[in-house]
PDB file of all heavy atoms in Angstrom:
ATOM      1  N   VAL A   1       3.118  -0.533  -4.217  1.00  0.00           N
ATOM      2  CA  VAL A   1       2.662  -1.916  -4.416  1.00  0.00           C
ATOM      3  C   VAL A   1       3.607  -2.881  -3.701  1.00  0.00           C
ATOM      4  O   VAL A   1       3.175  -3.846  -3.066  1.00  0.00           O
ATOM      5  CB  VAL A   1       2.567  -2.243  -5.925  1.00  0.00           C
ATOM      6  CG1 VAL A   1       2.327  -3.737  -6.141  1.00  0.00           C
ATOM      7  CG2 VAL A   1       1.454  -1.431  -6.573  1.00  0.00           C
ATOM      8  N   VAL A   2       4.917  -2.615  -3.786  1.00  0.00           N
ATOM      9  CA  VAL A   2       5.894  -3.449  -3.077  1.00  0.00           C
ATOM     10  C   VAL A   2       5.683  -3.348  -1.568  1.00  0.00           C
ATOM     11  O   VAL A   2       5.732  -4.358  -0.849  1.00  0.00           O
ATOM     12  CB  VAL A   2       7.332  -3.033  -3.462  1.00  0.00           C
ATOM     13  CG1 VAL A   2       8.354  -3.746  -2.578  1.00  0.00           C
ATOM     14  CG2 VAL A   2       7.597  -3.348  -4.931  1.00  0.00           C
ATOM     15  N   CYS A   3       5.440  -2.141  -1.059  1.00  0.00           N
ATOM     16  CA  CYS A   3       5.169  -1.969   0.375  1.00  0.00           C
ATOM     17  C   CYS A   3       3.932  -2.750   0.793  1.00  0.00           C
ATOM     18  O   CYS A   3       3.894  -3.366   1.873  1.00  0.00           O
ATOM     19  CB  CYS A   3       4.975  -0.485   0.694  1.00  0.00           C
ATOM     20  SG  CYS A   3       6.477   0.513   0.591  1.00  0.00           S
ATOM     21  N   LEU A   4       2.919  -2.732  -0.072  1.00  0.00           N
ATOM     22  CA  LEU A   4       1.695  -3.481   0.201  1.00  0.00           C
ATOM     23  C   LEU A   4       1.985  -4.976   0.266  1.00  0.00           C
ATOM     24  O   LEU A   4       1.497  -5.690   1.164  1.00  0.00           O
ATOM     25  CB  LEU A   4       0.668  -3.174  -0.891  1.00  0.00           C
ATOM     26  CG  LEU A   4      -0.810  -3.412  -0.579  1.00  0.00           C
ATOM     27  CD1 LEU A   4      -1.276  -2.524   0.559  1.00  0.00           C
ATOM     28  CD2 LEU A   4      -1.642  -3.135  -1.827  1.00  0.00           C
ATOM     29  N   LEU A   5       2.806  -5.454  -0.658  1.00  0.00           N
ATOM     30  CA  LEU A   5       3.163  -6.874  -0.678  1.00  0.00           C
ATOM     31  C   LEU A   5       3.978  -7.253   0.557  1.00  0.00           C
ATOM     32  O   LEU A   5       3.736  -8.300   1.180  1.00  0.00           O
ATOM     33  CB  LEU A   5       3.948  -7.186  -1.948  1.00  0.00           C
ATOM     34  CG  LEU A   5       4.458  -8.621  -2.103  1.00  0.00           C
ATOM     35  CD1 LEU A   5       3.286  -9.610  -2.116  1.00  0.00           C
ATOM     36  CD2 LEU A   5       5.294  -8.766  -3.367  1.00  0.00           C
ATOM     37  N   ARG A   6       4.916  -6.405   0.934  1.00  0.00           N
ATOM     38  CA  ARG A   6       5.729  -6.709   2.106  1.00  0.00           C
ATOM     39  C   ARG A   6       4.891  -6.689   3.384  1.00  0.00           C
ATOM     40  O   ARG A   6       5.095  -7.510   4.281  1.00  0.00           O
ATOM     41  CB  ARG A   6       6.871  -5.701   2.207  1.00  0.00           C
ATOM     42  CG  ARG A   6       7.945  -5.917   1.151  1.00  0.00           C
ATOM     43  CD  ARG A   6       9.013  -4.822   1.207  1.00  0.00           C
ATOM     44  NE  ARG A   6      10.087  -5.096   0.259  1.00  0.00           N
ATOM     45  CZ  ARG A   6      11.079  -4.257  -0.005  1.00  0.00           C
ATOM     46  NH1 ARG A   6      11.138  -3.077   0.619  1.00  0.00           N
ATOM     47  NH2 ARG A   6      12.024  -4.577  -0.882  1.00  0.00           N
ATOM     48  N   ALA A   7       3.957  -5.770   3.465  1.00  0.00           N
ATOM     49  CA  ALA A   7       3.086  -5.722   4.641  1.00  0.00           C
ATOM     50  C   ALA A   7       2.214  -6.967   4.725  1.00  0.00           C
ATOM     51  O   ALA A   7       1.865  -7.427   5.816  1.00  0.00           O
ATOM     52  CB  ALA A   7       2.212  -4.475   4.594  1.00  0.00           C
ATOM     53  N   ALA A   8       1.884  -7.532   3.558  1.00  0.00           N
ATOM     54  CA  ALA A   8       1.036  -8.727   3.531  1.00  0.00           C
ATOM     55  C   ALA A   8       1.830 -10.000   3.766  1.00  0.00           C
ATOM     56  O   ALA A   8       1.283 -10.989   4.278  1.00  0.00           O
ATOM     57  CB  ALA A   8       0.316  -8.817   2.193  1.00  0.00           C
ATOM     58  N   ALA A   9       3.135  -9.987   3.424  1.00  0.00           N
ATOM     59  CA  ALA A   9       3.894 -11.237   3.416  1.00  0.00           C
ATOM     60  C   ALA A   9       4.959 -11.334   4.489  1.00  0.00           C
ATOM     61  O   ALA A   9       5.217 -12.413   5.009  1.00  0.00           O
ATOM     62  CB  ALA A   9       4.551 -11.425   2.047  1.00  0.00           C
ATOM     63  N   ASP A  10       5.593 -10.232   4.854  1.00  0.00           N
ATOM     64  CA  ASP A  10       6.792 -10.298   5.685  1.00  0.00           C
ATOM     65  C   ASP A  10       6.559 -10.597   7.160  1.00  0.00           C
ATOM     66  O   ASP A  10       7.292 -11.384   7.756  1.00  0.00           O
ATOM     67  CB  ASP A  10       7.585  -8.994   5.546  1.00  0.00           C
ATOM     68  CG  ASP A  10       8.289  -8.926   4.195  1.00  0.00           C
ATOM     69  OD1 ASP A  10       8.246  -9.936   3.477  1.00  0.00           O
ATOM     70  OD2 ASP A  10       8.863  -7.874   3.878  1.00  0.00           O
ATOM     71  N   PRO A  11       5.571  -9.952   7.804  1.00  0.00           N
ATOM     72  CA  PRO A  11       5.481 -10.132   9.250  1.00  0.00           C
ATOM     73  C   PRO A  11       5.244 -11.591   9.640  1.00  0.00           C
ATOM     74  O   PRO A  11       4.367 -12.250   9.056  1.00  0.00           O
ATOM     75  CB  PRO A  11       4.278  -9.265   9.637  1.00  0.00           C
ATOM     76  CG  PRO A  11       4.123  -8.295   8.527  1.00  0.00           C
ATOM     77  CD  PRO A  11       4.559  -9.033   7.308  1.00  0.00           C
ATOM     78  N   PRO A  12       5.988 -12.121  10.624  1.00  0.00           N
ATOM     79  CA  PRO A  12       5.789 -13.511  11.044  1.00  0.00           C
ATOM     80  C   PRO A  12       4.450 -13.728  11.732  1.00  0.00           C
ATOM     81  O   PRO A  12       3.918 -14.834  11.722  1.00  0.00           O
ATOM     82  CB  PRO A  12       6.961 -13.750  12.015  1.00  0.00           C
ATOM     83  CG  PRO A  12       7.359 -12.381  12.482  1.00  0.00           C
ATOM     84  CD  PRO A  12       7.095 -11.472  11.337  1.00  0.00           C
ATOM     85  N   GLY A  13       3.895 -12.694  12.340  1.00  0.00           N
ATOM     86  CA  GLY A  13       2.628 -12.846  13.037  1.00  0.00           C
ATOM     87  C   GLY A  13       1.419 -12.553  12.180  1.00  0.00           C
ATOM     88  O   GLY A  13       0.324 -12.361  12.704  1.00  0.00           O
ATOM     89  N   GLY A  14       1.582 -12.494  10.885  1.00  0.00           N
ATOM     90  CA  GLY A  14       0.471 -12.184   9.991  1.00  0.00           C
ATOM     91  C   GLY A  14       0.638 -10.802   9.385  1.00  0.00           C
ATOM     92  O   GLY A  14       1.586 -10.076   9.699  1.00  0.00           O
ATOM     93  N   PRO A  15      -0.283 -10.411   8.533  1.00  0.00           N
ATOM     94  CA  PRO A  15      -0.174  -9.121   7.847  1.00  0.00           C
ATOM     95  C   PRO A  15      -0.119  -7.947   8.826  1.00  0.00           C
ATOM     96  O   PRO A  15      -0.786  -7.953   9.861  1.00  0.00           O
ATOM     97  CB  PRO A  15      -1.454  -9.073   6.999  1.00  0.00           C
ATOM     98  CG  PRO A  15      -1.873 -10.497   6.847  1.00  0.00           C
ATOM     99  CD  PRO A  15      -1.457 -11.187   8.111  1.00  0.00           C
ATOM    100  N   ASP A  16       0.711  -6.982   8.493  1.00  0.00           N
ATOM    101  CA  ASP A  16       0.822  -5.755   9.274  1.00  0.00           C
ATOM    102  C   ASP A  16      -0.285  -4.806   8.807  1.00  0.00           C
ATOM    103  O   ASP A  16      -0.186  -4.164   7.758  1.00  0.00           O
ATOM    104  CB  ASP A  16       2.202  -5.127   9.054  1.00  0.00           C
ATOM    105  CG  ASP A  16       2.448  -3.931   9.945  1.00  0.00           C
ATOM    106  OD1 ASP A  16       1.474  -3.260  10.332  1.00  0.00           O
ATOM    107  OD2 ASP A  16       3.623  -3.662  10.258  1.00  0.00           O
ATOM    108  N   ARG A  17      -1.352  -4.707   9.600  1.00  0.00           N
ATOM    109  CA  ARG A  17      -2.535  -3.968   9.166  1.00  0.00           C
ATOM    110  C   ARG A  17      -2.257  -2.476   9.007  1.00  0.00           C
ATOM    111  O   ARG A  17      -2.769  -1.836   8.083  1.00  0.00           O
ATOM    112  CB  ARG A  17      -3.673  -4.199  10.145  1.00  0.00           C
ATOM    113  CG  ARG A  17      -4.183  -5.639  10.141  1.00  0.00           C
ATOM    114  CD  ARG A  17      -5.389  -5.797  11.046  1.00  0.00           C
ATOM    115  NE  ARG A  17      -5.877  -7.169  11.010  1.00  0.00           N
ATOM    116  CZ  ARG A  17      -6.941  -7.590  11.702  1.00  0.00           C
ATOM    117  NH1 ARG A  17      -7.598  -6.744  12.486  1.00  0.00           N
ATOM    118  NH2 ARG A  17      -7.325  -8.857  11.614  1.00  0.00           N
ATOM    119  N   ARG A  18      -1.464  -1.934   9.902  1.00  0.00           N
ATOM    120  CA  ARG A  18      -1.168  -0.511   9.800  1.00  0.00           C
ATOM    121  C   ARG A  18      -0.393  -0.204   8.516  1.00  0.00           C
ATOM    122  O   ARG A  18      -0.680   0.772   7.825  1.00  0.00           O
ATOM    123  CB  ARG A  18      -0.384  -0.051  11.021  1.00  0.00           C
ATOM    124  CG  ARG A  18      -1.192  -0.069  12.317  1.00  0.00           C
ATOM    125  CD  ARG A  18      -0.392   0.479  13.482  1.00  0.00           C
ATOM    126  NE  ARG A  18      -0.035   1.879  13.271  1.00  0.00           N
ATOM    127  CZ  ARG A  18       0.685   2.589  14.132  1.00  0.00           C
ATOM    128  NH1 ARG A  18       1.129   2.024  15.246  1.00  0.00           N
ATOM    129  NH2 ARG A  18       0.978   3.852  13.879  1.00  0.00           N
ATOM    130  N   ARG A  19       0.597  -1.016   8.201  1.00  0.00           N
ATOM    131  CA  ARG A  19       1.342  -0.820   6.956  1.00  0.00           C
ATOM    132  C   ARG A  19       0.451  -1.049   5.743  1.00  0.00           C
ATOM    133  O   ARG A  19       0.574  -0.344   4.726  1.00  0.00           O
ATOM    134  CB  ARG A  19       2.549  -1.749   6.906  1.00  0.00           C
ATOM    135  CG  ARG A  19       3.695  -1.350   7.840  1.00  0.00           C
ATOM    136  CD  ARG A  19       4.811  -2.380   7.812  1.00  0.00           C
ATOM    137  NE  ARG A  19       5.396  -2.516   6.489  1.00  0.00           N
ATOM    138  CZ  ARG A  19       6.196  -3.521   6.134  1.00  0.00           C
ATOM    139  NH1 ARG A  19       6.483  -4.483   7.013  1.00  0.00           N
ATOM    140  NH2 ARG A  19       6.700  -3.565   4.923  1.00  0.00           N
ATOM    141  N   LEU A  20      -0.452  -2.029   5.834  1.00  0.00           N
ATOM    142  CA  LEU A  20      -1.382  -2.274   4.734  1.00  0.00           C
ATOM    143  C   LEU A  20      -2.259  -1.052   4.483  1.00  0.00           C
ATOM    144  O   LEU A  20      -2.433  -0.614   3.335  1.00  0.00           O
ATOM    145  CB  LEU A  20      -2.261  -3.486   5.040  1.00  0.00           C
ATOM    146  CG  LEU A  20      -1.733  -4.860   4.640  1.00  0.00           C
ATOM    147  CD1 LEU A  20      -2.653  -5.949   5.159  1.00  0.00           C
ATOM    148  CD2 LEU A  20      -1.611  -4.969   3.126  1.00  0.00           C
ATOM    149  N   LEU A  21      -2.816  -0.507   5.554  1.00  0.00           N
ATOM    150  CA  LEU A  21      -3.694   0.651   5.413  1.00  0.00           C
ATOM    151  C   LEU A  21      -2.928   1.854   4.865  1.00  0.00           C
ATOM    152  O   LEU A  21      -3.405   2.555   3.966  1.00  0.00           O
ATOM    153  CB  LEU A  21      -4.321   0.996   6.762  1.00  0.00           C
ATOM    154  CG  LEU A  21      -5.387   0.018   7.284  1.00  0.00           C
ATOM    155  CD1 LEU A  21      -5.810   0.405   8.696  1.00  0.00           C
ATOM    156  CD2 LEU A  21      -6.598   0.002   6.357  1.00  0.00           C
ATOM    157  N   ALA A  22      -1.727   2.096   5.404  1.00  0.00           N
ATOM    158  CA  ALA A  22      -0.931   3.237   4.940  1.00  0.00           C
ATOM    159  C   ALA A  22      -0.549   3.075   3.469  1.00  0.00           C
ATOM    160  O   ALA A  22      -0.630   4.029   2.683  1.00  0.00           O
ATOM    161  CB  ALA A  22       0.314   3.383   5.806  1.00  0.00           C
ATOM    162  N   SER A  23      -0.127   1.867   3.091  1.00  0.00           N
ATOM    163  CA  SER A  23       0.266   1.626   1.696  1.00  0.00           C
ATOM    164  C   SER A  23      -0.926   1.745   0.762  1.00  0.00           C
ATOM    165  O   SER A  23      -0.816   2.313  -0.336  1.00  0.00           O
ATOM    166  CB  SER A  23       0.901   0.244   1.570  1.00  0.00           C
ATOM    167  OG  SER A  23       2.062   0.134   2.365  1.00  0.00           O
ATOM    168  N   ALA A  24      -2.079   1.222   1.169  1.00  0.00           N
ATOM    169  CA  ALA A  24      -3.277   1.312   0.332  1.00  0.00           C
ATOM    170  C   ALA A  24      -3.712   2.761   0.152  1.00  0.00           C
ATOM    171  O   ALA A  24      -4.072   3.186  -0.960  1.00  0.00           O
ATOM    172  CB  ALA A  24      -4.404   0.490   0.945  1.00  0.00           C
ATOM    173  N   ALA A  25      -3.677   3.541   1.235  1.00  0.00           N
ATOM    174  CA  ALA A  25      -4.066   4.948   1.134  1.00  0.00           C
ATOM    175  C   ALA A  25      -3.094   5.715   0.244  1.00  0.00           C
ATOM    176  O   ALA A  25      -3.497   6.534  -0.593  1.00  0.00           O
ATOM    177  CB  ALA A  25      -4.121   5.569   2.532  1.00  0.00           C
ATOM    178  N   GLY A  26      -1.789   5.461   0.412  1.00  0.00           N
ATOM    179  CA  GLY A  26      -0.795   6.124  -0.432  1.00  0.00           C
ATOM    180  C   GLY A  26      -0.955   5.747  -1.892  1.00  0.00           C
ATOM    181  O   GLY A  26      -0.836   6.603  -2.785  1.00  0.00           O
ATOM    182  N   LEU A  27      -1.225   4.470  -2.141  1.00  0.00           N
ATOM    183  CA  LEU A  27      -1.411   4.009  -3.523  1.00  0.00           C
ATOM    184  C   LEU A  27      -2.631   4.673  -4.140  1.00  0.00           C
ATOM    185  O   LEU A  27      -2.588   5.111  -5.305  1.00  0.00           O
ATOM    186  CB  LEU A  27      -1.554   2.489  -3.536  1.00  0.00           C
ATOM    187  CG  LEU A  27      -1.709   1.825  -4.899  1.00  0.00           C
ATOM    188  CD1 LEU A  27      -0.498   2.113  -5.783  1.00  0.00           C
ATOM    189  CD2 LEU A  27      -1.897   0.319  -4.743  1.00  0.00           C
ATOM    190  N   ALA A  28      -3.717   4.777  -3.387  1.00  0.00           N
ATOM    191  CA  ALA A  28      -4.931   5.412  -3.907  1.00  0.00           C
ATOM    192  C   ALA A  28      -4.665   6.876  -4.257  1.00  0.00           C
ATOM    193  O   ALA A  28      -5.098   7.368  -5.308  1.00  0.00           O
ATOM    194  CB  ALA A  28      -6.054   5.304  -2.886  1.00  0.00           C
ATOM    195  N   ALA A  29      -3.946   7.575  -3.377  1.00  0.00           N
ATOM    196  CA  ALA A  29      -3.656   8.987  -3.632  1.00  0.00           C
ATOM    197  C   ALA A  29      -2.769   9.166  -4.862  1.00  0.00           C
ATOM    198  O   ALA A  29      -3.004  10.053  -5.696  1.00  0.00           O
ATOM    199  CB  ALA A  29      -2.989   9.601  -2.401  1.00  0.00           C
ATOM    200  N   THR A  30      -1.751   8.311  -4.993  1.00  0.00           N
ATOM    201  CA  THR A  30      -0.819   8.439  -6.119  1.00  0.00           C
ATOM    202  C   THR A  30      -1.494   8.093  -7.439  1.00  0.00           C
ATOM    203  O   THR A  30      -1.298   8.779  -8.452  1.00  0.00           O
ATOM    204  CB  THR A  30       0.401   7.529  -5.891  1.00  0.00           C
ATOM    205  OG1 THR A  30       0.932   7.749  -4.593  1.00  0.00           O
ATOM    206  CG2 THR A  30       1.477   7.809  -6.916  1.00  0.00           C
ATOM    207  N   VAL A  31      -2.303   7.040  -7.440  1.00  0.00           N
ATOM    208  CA  VAL A  31      -3.043   6.667  -8.655  1.00  0.00           C
ATOM    209  C   VAL A  31      -4.007   7.779  -9.045  1.00  0.00           C
ATOM    210  O   VAL A  31      -4.140   8.120 -10.234  1.00  0.00           O
ATOM    211  CB  VAL A  31      -3.791   5.335  -8.429  1.00  0.00           C
ATOM    212  CG1 VAL A  31      -4.832   5.111  -9.514  1.00  0.00           C
ATOM    213  CG2 VAL A  31      -2.810   4.175  -8.405  1.00  0.00           C
ATOM    214  N   SER A  32      -4.678   8.371  -8.072  1.00  0.00           N
ATOM    215  CA  SER A  32      -5.616   9.454  -8.369  1.00  0.00           C
ATOM    216  C   SER A  32      -4.893  10.634  -9.010  1.00  0.00           C
ATOM    217  O   SER A  32      -5.390  11.235  -9.970  1.00  0.00           O
ATOM    218  CB  SER A  32      -6.320   9.900  -7.086  1.00  0.00           C
ATOM    219  OG  SER A  32      -7.073   8.838  -6.527  1.00  0.00           O
ATOM    220  N   ALA A  33      -3.717  10.968  -8.483  1.00  0.00           N
ATOM    221  CA  ALA A  33      -2.941  12.061  -9.068  1.00  0.00           C
ATOM    222  C   ALA A  33      -2.533  11.740 -10.504  1.00  0.00           C
ATOM    223  O   ALA A  33      -2.607  12.599 -11.392  1.00  0.00           O
ATOM    224  CB  ALA A  33      -1.706  12.345  -8.212  1.00  0.00           C
ATOM    225  N   GLN A  34      -2.116  10.492 -10.744  1.00  0.00           N
ATOM    226  CA  GLN A  34      -1.671  10.112 -12.086  1.00  0.00           C
ATOM    227  C   GLN A  34      -2.807  10.184 -13.103  1.00  0.00           C
ATOM    228  O   GLN A  34      -2.575  10.493 -14.274  1.00  0.00           O
ATOM    229  CB  GLN A  34      -1.080   8.700 -12.058  1.00  0.00           C
ATOM    230  CG  GLN A  34      -0.511   8.232 -13.382  1.00  0.00           C
ATOM    231  CD  GLN A  34       0.649   9.079 -13.883  1.00  0.00           C
ATOM    232  OE1 GLN A  34       1.551   9.418 -13.132  1.00  0.00           O
ATOM    233  NE2 GLN A  34       0.622   9.440 -15.160  1.00  0.00           N
ATOM    234  N   VAL A  35      -4.040   9.916 -12.678  1.00  0.00           N
ATOM    235  CA  VAL A  35      -5.180  10.019 -13.589  1.00  0.00           C
ATOM    236  C   VAL A  35      -5.284  11.430 -14.157  1.00  0.00           C
ATOM    237  O   VAL A  35      -5.601  11.616 -15.335  1.00  0.00           O
ATOM    238  CB  VAL A  35      -6.486   9.614 -12.867  1.00  0.00           C
ATOM    239  CG1 VAL A  35      -7.711  10.049 -13.669  1.00  0.00           C
ATOM    240  CG2 VAL A  35      -6.520   8.111 -12.646  1.00  0.00           C
ATOM    241  N   PHE A  36      -5.006  12.436 -13.323  1.00  0.00           N
ATOM    242  CA  PHE A  36      -5.109  13.823 -13.772  1.00  0.00           C
ATOM    243  C   PHE A  36      -3.829  14.303 -14.448  1.00  0.00           C
ATOM    244  O   PHE A  36      -3.724  15.484 -14.800  1.00  0.00           O
ATOM    245  CB  PHE A  36      -5.461  14.723 -12.593  1.00  0.00           C
ATOM    246  CG  PHE A  36      -6.839  14.473 -12.055  1.00  0.00           C
ATOM    247  CD1 PHE A  36      -7.023  13.747 -10.892  1.00  0.00           C
ATOM    248  CD2 PHE A  36      -7.956  14.921 -12.739  1.00  0.00           C
ATOM    249  CE1 PHE A  36      -8.294  13.493 -10.402  1.00  0.00           C
ATOM    250  CE2 PHE A  36      -9.233  14.677 -12.261  1.00  0.00           C
ATOM    251  CZ  PHE A  36      -9.403  13.957 -11.081  1.00  0.00           C
ATOM    252  N   ILE A  37      -2.849  13.411 -14.597  1.00  0.00           N
ATOM    253  CA  ILE A  37      -1.641  13.726 -15.364  1.00  0.00           C
ATOM    254  C   ILE A  37      -1.671  13.001 -16.702  1.00  0.00           C
ATOM    255  O   ILE A  37      -1.532  13.616 -17.758  1.00  0.00           O
ATOM    256  CB  ILE A  37      -0.370  13.326 -14.582  1.00  0.00           C
ATOM    257  CG1 ILE A  37      -0.247  14.156 -13.310  1.00  0.00           C
ATOM    258  CG2 ILE A  37       0.876  13.516 -15.444  1.00  0.00           C
ATOM    259  CD1 ILE A  37       0.903  13.733 -12.414  1.00  0.00           C
ATOM    260  N   GLY A  38      -1.848  11.685 -16.655  1.00  0.00           N
ATOM    261  CA  GLY A  38      -1.876  10.898 -17.879  1.00  0.00           C
ATOM    262  C   GLY A  38      -2.418   9.506 -17.613  1.00  0.00           C
ATOM    263  O   GLY A  38      -1.733   8.681 -16.999  1.00  0.00           O
TER     264      GLY A  38
END
């Protein structure tokens, strides 16, 4: 989530789309795994 926020806020030229996509995909995978844990 922090990586997603930094990708959205930090770059001076606007959001870093590649970092946004990578962070979103990683977040989706991790959340999906946690559902099957608890």
